[in-house]
Amino acid sequence: KATPTLTWVTPSAITYGTPLSATQLNASG
């Protein structure tokens, strides 16, 4: 079996109180 490549750029810093969203959770296979 092959192992897919996951691309996920380190997200920009956020301030406490900011909920996680697609801005941070944006990996792609």
ModelCIF file with pLDDT and N, C-alpha, C, O atoms, coordinates in Angstrom:
data_MODEL
#
_entry.id   MODEL 
#
_entity.id                         1 
_entity.type                       polymer 
_entity.pdbx_number_of_molecules   1 
#
_entity_poly.entity_id                      1 
_entity_poly.type                           'polypeptide(L)' 
_entity_poly.nstd_linkage                   no 
_entity_poly.nstd_monomer                   no 
_entity_poly.pdbx_seq_one_letter_code       KATPTLTWVTPSAITYGTPLSATQLNASG 
_entity_poly.pdbx_seq_one_letter_code_can   KATPTLTWVTPSAITYGTPLSATQLNASG 
_entity_poly.pdbx_strand_id                 A 
#
loop_
_entity_poly_seq.entity_id 
_entity_poly_seq.num 
_entity_poly_seq.mon_id 
_entity_poly_seq.hetero 
1 1  LYS n 
1 2  ALA n 
1 3  THR n 
1 4  PRO n 
1 5  THR n 
1 6  LEU n 
1 7  THR n 
1 8  TRP n 
1 9  VAL n 
1 10 THR n 
1 11 PRO n 
1 12 SER n 
1 13 ALA n 
1 14 ILE n 
1 15 THR n 
1 16 TYR n 
1 17 GLY n 
1 18 THR n 
1 19 PRO n 
1 20 LEU n 
1 21 SER n 
1 22 ALA n 
1 23 THR n 
1 24 GLN n 
1 25 LEU n 
1 26 ASN n 
1 27 ALA n 
1 28 SER n 
1 29 GLY n 
#
_struct_asym.id          A 
_struct_asym.entity_id   1 
#
loop_
_ma_qa_metric.id 
_ma_qa_metric.mode 
_ma_qa_metric.name 
_ma_qa_metric.software_group_id 
_ma_qa_metric.type 
1 global pLDDT . pLDDT 
2 local  pLDDT . pLDDT 
#
_ma_qa_metric_global.metric_id      1 
_ma_qa_metric_global.metric_value   97.31 
_ma_qa_metric_global.model_id       1 
_ma_qa_metric_global.ordinal_id     1 
#
loop_
_ma_qa_metric_local.label_asym_id 
_ma_qa_metric_local.label_comp_id 
_ma_qa_metric_local.label_seq_id 
_ma_qa_metric_local.metric_id 
_ma_qa_metric_local.metric_value 
_ma_qa_metric_local.model_id 
_ma_qa_metric_local.ordinal_id 
A LYS 1  2 97.00 1 1  
A ALA 2  2 97.00 1 2  
A THR 3  2 96.00 1 3  
A PRO 4  2 96.00 1 4  
A THR 5  2 95.00 1 5  
A LEU 6  2 96.00 1 6  
A THR 7  2 97.00 1 7  
A TRP 8  2 98.00 1 8  
A VAL 9  2 97.00 1 9  
A THR 10 2 97.00 1 10 
A PRO 11 2 98.00 1 11 
A SER 12 2 98.00 1 12 
A ALA 13 2 98.00 1 13 
A ILE 14 2 98.00 1 14 
A THR 15 2 98.00 1 15 
A TYR 16 2 98.00 1 16 
A GLY 17 2 97.00 1 17 
A THR 18 2 98.00 1 18 
A PRO 19 2 98.00 1 19 
A LEU 20 2 98.00 1 20 
A SER 21 2 98.00 1 21 
A ALA 22 2 97.00 1 22 
A THR 23 2 97.00 1 23 
A GLN 24 2 98.00 1 24 
A LEU 25 2 98.00 1 25 
A ASN 26 2 98.00 1 26 
A ALA 27 2 98.00 1 27 
A SER 28 2 97.00 1 28 
A GLY 29 2 96.00 1 29 
#
loop_
_atom_site.group_PDB 
_atom_site.id 
_atom_site.type_symbol 
_atom_site.label_atom_id 
_atom_site.label_alt_id 
_atom_site.label_comp_id 
_atom_site.label_asym_id 
_atom_site.label_entity_id 
_atom_site.label_seq_id 
_atom_site.pdbx_PDB_ins_code 
_atom_site.Cartn_x 
_atom_site.Cartn_y 
_atom_site.Cartn_z 
_atom_site.occupancy 
_atom_site.B_iso_or_equiv 
_atom_site.pdbx_formal_charge 
_atom_site.auth_seq_id 
_atom_site.auth_comp_id 
_atom_site.auth_asym_id 
_atom_site.auth_atom_id 
_atom_site.pdbx_PDB_model_num 
ATOM 1   N N  . LYS A 1 1  ? 0.834   -1.196 0.000  1.00 97.00 ? 1  LYS A N  1 
ATOM 2   C CA . LYS A 1 1  ? 0.000   0.000  0.000  1.00 97.00 ? 1  LYS A CA 1 
ATOM 3   C C  . LYS A 1 1  ? 0.877   1.256  0.000  1.00 97.00 ? 1  LYS A C  1 
ATOM 4   O O  . LYS A 1 1  ? 1.963   1.267  0.578  1.00 97.00 ? 1  LYS A O  1 
ATOM 5   N N  . ALA A 1 2  ? 0.402   2.282  -0.638 1.00 97.00 ? 2  ALA A N  1 
ATOM 6   C CA . ALA A 1 2  ? 1.091   3.575  -0.639 1.00 97.00 ? 2  ALA A CA 1 
ATOM 7   C C  . ALA A 1 2  ? 0.564   4.425  0.511  1.00 97.00 ? 2  ALA A C  1 
ATOM 8   O O  . ALA A 1 2  ? -0.581  4.272  0.937  1.00 97.00 ? 2  ALA A O  1 
ATOM 9   N N  . THR A 1 3  ? 1.396   5.307  0.998  1.00 96.00 ? 3  THR A N  1 
ATOM 10  C CA . THR A 1 3  ? 0.975   6.237  2.047  1.00 96.00 ? 3  THR A CA 1 
ATOM 11  C C  . THR A 1 3  ? 0.766   7.611  1.425  1.00 96.00 ? 3  THR A C  1 
ATOM 12  O O  . THR A 1 3  ? 1.704   8.188  0.876  1.00 96.00 ? 3  THR A O  1 
ATOM 13  N N  . PRO A 1 4  ? -0.453  8.146  1.502  1.00 96.00 ? 4  PRO A N  1 
ATOM 14  C CA . PRO A 1 4  ? -0.718  9.460  0.891  1.00 96.00 ? 4  PRO A CA 1 
ATOM 15  C C  . PRO A 1 4  ? 0.124   10.554 1.544  1.00 96.00 ? 4  PRO A C  1 
ATOM 16  O O  . PRO A 1 4  ? 0.574   10.422 2.682  1.00 96.00 ? 4  PRO A O  1 
ATOM 17  N N  . THR A 1 5  ? 0.320   11.611 0.809  1.00 95.00 ? 5  THR A N  1 
ATOM 18  C CA . THR A 1 5  ? 1.017   12.781 1.334  1.00 95.00 ? 5  THR A CA 1 
ATOM 19  C C  . THR A 1 5  ? 0.001   13.772 1.875  1.00 95.00 ? 5  THR A C  1 
ATOM 20  O O  . THR A 1 5  ? -0.956  14.133 1.189  1.00 95.00 ? 5  THR A O  1 
ATOM 21  N N  . LEU A 1 6  ? 0.219   14.214 3.126  1.00 96.00 ? 6  LEU A N  1 
ATOM 22  C CA . LEU A 1 6  ? -0.629  15.253 3.716  1.00 96.00 ? 6  LEU A CA 1 
ATOM 23  C C  . LEU A 1 6  ? 0.132   16.572 3.674  1.00 96.00 ? 6  LEU A C  1 
ATOM 24  O O  . LEU A 1 6  ? 1.257   16.664 4.166  1.00 96.00 ? 6  LEU A O  1 
ATOM 25  N N  . THR A 1 7  ? -0.478  17.578 3.092  1.00 97.00 ? 7  THR A N  1 
ATOM 26  C CA . THR A 1 7  ? 0.122   18.913 3.036  1.00 97.00 ? 7  THR A CA 1 
ATOM 27  C C  . THR A 1 7  ? -0.616  19.811 4.016  1.00 97.00 ? 7  THR A C  1 
ATOM 28  O O  . THR A 1 7  ? -1.836  19.963 3.942  1.00 97.00 ? 7  THR A O  1 
ATOM 29  N N  . TRP A 1 8  ? 0.143   20.407 4.938  1.00 98.00 ? 8  TRP A N  1 
ATOM 30  C CA . TRP A 1 8  ? -0.486  21.236 5.972  1.00 98.00 ? 8  TRP A CA 1 
ATOM 31  C C  . TRP A 1 8  ? 0.518   22.309 6.386  1.00 98.00 ? 8  TRP A C  1 
ATOM 32  O O  . TRP A 1 8  ? 1.484   22.027 7.095  1.00 98.00 ? 8  TRP A O  1 
ATOM 33  N N  . VAL A 1 9  ? 0.288   23.509 5.948  1.00 97.00 ? 9  VAL A N  1 
ATOM 34  C CA . VAL A 1 9  ? 1.178   24.619 6.261  1.00 97.00 ? 9  VAL A CA 1 
ATOM 35  C C  . VAL A 1 9  ? 0.927   25.080 7.697  1.00 97.00 ? 9  VAL A C  1 
ATOM 36  O O  . VAL A 1 9  ? -0.218  25.152 8.141  1.00 97.00 ? 9  VAL A O  1 
ATOM 37  N N  . THR A 1 10 ? 2.003   25.390 8.414  1.00 97.00 ? 10 THR A N  1 
ATOM 38  C CA . THR A 1 10 ? 1.867   25.895 9.782  1.00 97.00 ? 10 THR A CA 1 
ATOM 39  C C  . THR A 1 10 ? 0.986   27.145 9.784  1.00 97.00 ? 10 THR A C  1 
ATOM 40  O O  . THR A 1 10 ? 1.294   28.123 9.103  1.00 97.00 ? 10 THR A O  1 
ATOM 41  N N  . PRO A 1 11 ? -0.112  27.116 10.550 1.00 98.00 ? 11 PRO A N  1 
ATOM 42  C CA . PRO A 1 11 ? -1.039  28.265 10.514 1.00 98.00 ? 11 PRO A CA 1 
ATOM 43  C C  . PRO A 1 11 ? -0.473  29.483 11.235 1.00 98.00 ? 11 PRO A C  1 
ATOM 44  O O  . PRO A 1 11 ? 0.408   29.374 12.087 1.00 98.00 ? 11 PRO A O  1 
ATOM 45  N N  . SER A 1 12 ? -1.002  30.636 10.869 1.00 98.00 ? 12 SER A N  1 
ATOM 46  C CA . SER A 1 12 ? -0.616  31.886 11.536 1.00 98.00 ? 12 SER A CA 1 
ATOM 47  C C  . SER A 1 12 ? -1.099  31.877 12.984 1.00 98.00 ? 12 SER A C  1 
ATOM 48  O O  . SER A 1 12 ? -2.088  31.227 13.320 1.00 98.00 ? 12 SER A O  1 
ATOM 49  N N  . ALA A 1 13 ? -0.392  32.601 13.821 1.00 98.00 ? 13 ALA A N  1 
ATOM 50  C CA . ALA A 1 13 ? -0.755  32.681 15.240 1.00 98.00 ? 13 ALA A CA 1 
ATOM 51  C C  . ALA A 1 13 ? -2.151  33.290 15.403 1.00 98.00 ? 13 ALA A C  1 
ATOM 52  O O  . ALA A 1 13 ? -2.587  34.112 14.597 1.00 98.00 ? 13 ALA A O  1 
ATOM 53  N N  . ILE A 1 14 ? -2.830  32.870 16.455 1.00 98.00 ? 14 ILE A N  1 
ATOM 54  C CA . ILE A 1 14 ? -4.143  33.417 16.791 1.00 98.00 ? 14 ILE A CA 1 
ATOM 55  C C  . ILE A 1 14 ? -4.109  33.940 18.227 1.00 98.00 ? 14 ILE A C  1 
ATOM 56  O O  . ILE A 1 14 ? -3.147  33.706 18.959 1.00 98.00 ? 14 ILE A O  1 
ATOM 57  N N  . THR A 1 15 ? -5.155  34.640 18.616 1.00 98.00 ? 15 THR A N  1 
ATOM 58  C CA . THR A 1 15 ? -5.273  35.156 19.977 1.00 98.00 ? 15 THR A CA 1 
ATOM 59  C C  . THR A 1 15 ? -6.235  34.280 20.765 1.00 98.00 ? 15 THR A C  1 
ATOM 60  O O  . THR A 1 15 ? -7.222  33.786 20.220 1.00 98.00 ? 15 THR A O  1 
ATOM 61  N N  . TYR A 1 16 ? -5.945  34.087 22.059 1.00 98.00 ? 16 TYR A N  1 
ATOM 62  C CA . TYR A 1 16 ? -6.833  33.300 22.915 1.00 98.00 ? 16 TYR A CA 1 
ATOM 63  C C  . TYR A 1 16 ? -8.277  33.788 22.769 1.00 98.00 ? 16 TYR A C  1 
ATOM 64  O O  . TYR A 1 16 ? -8.553  34.987 22.776 1.00 98.00 ? 16 TYR A O  1 
ATOM 65  N N  . GLY A 1 17 ? -9.173  32.834 22.639 1.00 97.00 ? 17 GLY A N  1 
ATOM 66  C CA . GLY A 1 17 ? -10.593 33.153 22.454 1.00 97.00 ? 17 GLY A CA 1 
ATOM 67  C C  . GLY A 1 17 ? -11.037 32.940 21.029 1.00 97.00 ? 17 GLY A C  1 
ATOM 68  O O  . GLY A 1 17 ? -12.234 32.931 20.742 1.00 97.00 ? 17 GLY A O  1 
ATOM 69  N N  . THR A 1 18 ? -10.066 32.766 20.115 1.00 98.00 ? 18 THR A N  1 
ATOM 70  C CA . THR A 1 18 ? -10.401 32.512 18.705 1.00 98.00 ? 18 THR A CA 1 
ATOM 71  C C  . THR A 1 18 ? -10.646 31.016 18.520 1.00 98.00 ? 18 THR A C  1 
ATOM 72  O O  . THR A 1 18 ? -9.732  30.222 18.739 1.00 98.00 ? 18 THR A O  1 
ATOM 73  N N  . PRO A 1 19 ? -11.860 30.606 18.121 1.00 98.00 ? 19 PRO A N  1 
ATOM 74  C CA . PRO A 1 19 ? -12.107 29.166 17.930 1.00 98.00 ? 19 PRO A CA 1 
ATOM 75  C C  . PRO A 1 19 ? -11.417 28.661 16.668 1.00 98.00 ? 19 PRO A C  1 
ATOM 76  O O  . PRO A 1 19 ? -11.269 29.394 15.691 1.00 98.00 ? 19 PRO A O  1 
ATOM 77  N N  . LEU A 1 20 ? -10.999 27.403 16.705 1.00 98.00 ? 20 LEU A N  1 
ATOM 78  C CA . LEU A 1 20 ? -10.387 26.791 15.518 1.00 98.00 ? 20 LEU A CA 1 
ATOM 79  C C  . LEU A 1 20 ? -11.409 26.721 14.389 1.00 98.00 ? 20 LEU A C  1 
ATOM 80  O O  . LEU A 1 20 ? -12.596 26.487 14.612 1.00 98.00 ? 20 LEU A O  1 
ATOM 81  N N  . SER A 1 21 ? -10.914 26.931 13.176 1.00 98.00 ? 21 SER A N  1 
ATOM 82  C CA . SER A 1 21 ? -11.793 26.909 11.999 1.00 98.00 ? 21 SER A CA 1 
ATOM 83  C C  . SER A 1 21 ? -11.000 26.367 10.823 1.00 98.00 ? 21 SER A C  1 
ATOM 84  O O  . SER A 1 21 ? -9.876  25.889 10.976 1.00 98.00 ? 21 SER A O  1 
ATOM 85  N N  . ALA A 1 22 ? -11.606 26.451 9.649  1.00 97.00 ? 22 ALA A N  1 
ATOM 86  C CA . ALA A 1 22 ? -10.937 25.996 8.427  1.00 97.00 ? 22 ALA A CA 1 
ATOM 87  C C  . ALA A 1 22 ? -9.694  26.825 8.115  1.00 97.00 ? 22 ALA A C  1 
ATOM 88  O O  . ALA A 1 22 ? -8.875  26.426 7.287  1.00 97.00 ? 22 ALA A O  1 
ATOM 89  N N  . THR A 1 23 ? -9.548  27.957 8.761  1.00 97.00 ? 23 THR A N  1 
ATOM 90  C CA . THR A 1 23 ? -8.341  28.767 8.562  1.00 97.00 ? 23 THR A CA 1 
ATOM 91  C C  . THR A 1 23 ? -7.118  28.034 9.097  1.00 97.00 ? 23 THR A C  1 
ATOM 92  O O  . THR A 1 23 ? -6.035  28.119 8.518  1.00 97.00 ? 23 THR A O  1 
ATOM 93  N N  . GLN A 1 24 ? -7.292  27.317 10.200 1.00 98.00 ? 24 GLN A N  1 
ATOM 94  C CA . GLN A 1 24 ? -6.188  26.542 10.774 1.00 98.00 ? 24 GLN A CA 1 
ATOM 95  C C  . GLN A 1 24 ? -6.257  25.067 10.353 1.00 98.00 ? 24 GLN A C  1 
ATOM 96  O O  . GLN A 1 24 ? -5.229  24.433 10.116 1.00 98.00 ? 24 GLN A O  1 
ATOM 97  N N  . LEU A 1 25 ? -7.471  24.537 10.264 1.00 98.00 ? 25 LEU A N  1 
ATOM 98  C CA . LEU A 1 25 ? -7.659  23.113 9.967  1.00 98.00 ? 25 LEU A CA 1 
ATOM 99  C C  . LEU A 1 25 ? -7.878  22.938 8.467  1.00 98.00 ? 25 LEU A C  1 
ATOM 100 O O  . LEU A 1 25 ? -8.991  22.678 8.008  1.00 98.00 ? 25 LEU A O  1 
ATOM 101 N N  . ASN A 1 26 ? -6.788  23.087 7.716  1.00 98.00 ? 26 ASN A N  1 
ATOM 102 C CA . ASN A 1 26 ? -6.886  23.133 6.256  1.00 98.00 ? 26 ASN A CA 1 
ATOM 103 C C  . ASN A 1 26 ? -5.889  22.203 5.568  1.00 98.00 ? 26 ASN A C  1 
ATOM 104 O O  . ASN A 1 26 ? -5.378  22.519 4.494  1.00 98.00 ? 26 ASN A O  1 
ATOM 105 N N  . ALA A 1 27 ? -5.614  21.058 6.190  1.00 98.00 ? 27 ALA A N  1 
ATOM 106 C CA . ALA A 1 27 ? -4.720  20.079 5.556  1.00 98.00 ? 27 ALA A CA 1 
ATOM 107 C C  . ALA A 1 27 ? -5.380  19.511 4.303  1.00 98.00 ? 27 ALA A C  1 
ATOM 108 O O  . ALA A 1 27 ? -6.605  19.519 4.178  1.00 98.00 ? 27 ALA A O  1 
ATOM 109 N N  . SER A 1 28 ? -4.560  19.020 3.381  1.00 97.00 ? 28 SER A N  1 
ATOM 110 C CA . SER A 1 28 ? -5.079  18.395 2.165  1.00 97.00 ? 28 SER A CA 1 
ATOM 111 C C  . SER A 1 28 ? -4.276  17.137 1.874  1.00 97.00 ? 28 SER A C  1 
ATOM 112 O O  . SER A 1 28 ? -3.079  17.067 2.151  1.00 97.00 ? 28 SER A O  1 
ATOM 113 N N  . GLY A 1 29 ? -4.965  16.134 1.303  1.00 96.00 ? 29 GLY A N  1 
ATOM 114 C CA . GLY A 1 29 ? -4.321  14.867 0.973  1.00 96.00 ? 29 GLY A CA 1 
ATOM 115 C C  . GLY A 1 29 ? -4.012  14.777 -0.514 1.00 96.00 ? 29 GLY A C  1 
ATOM 116 O O  . GLY A 1 29 ? -3.467  13.773 -0.971 1.00 96.00 ? 29 GLY A O  1 
#
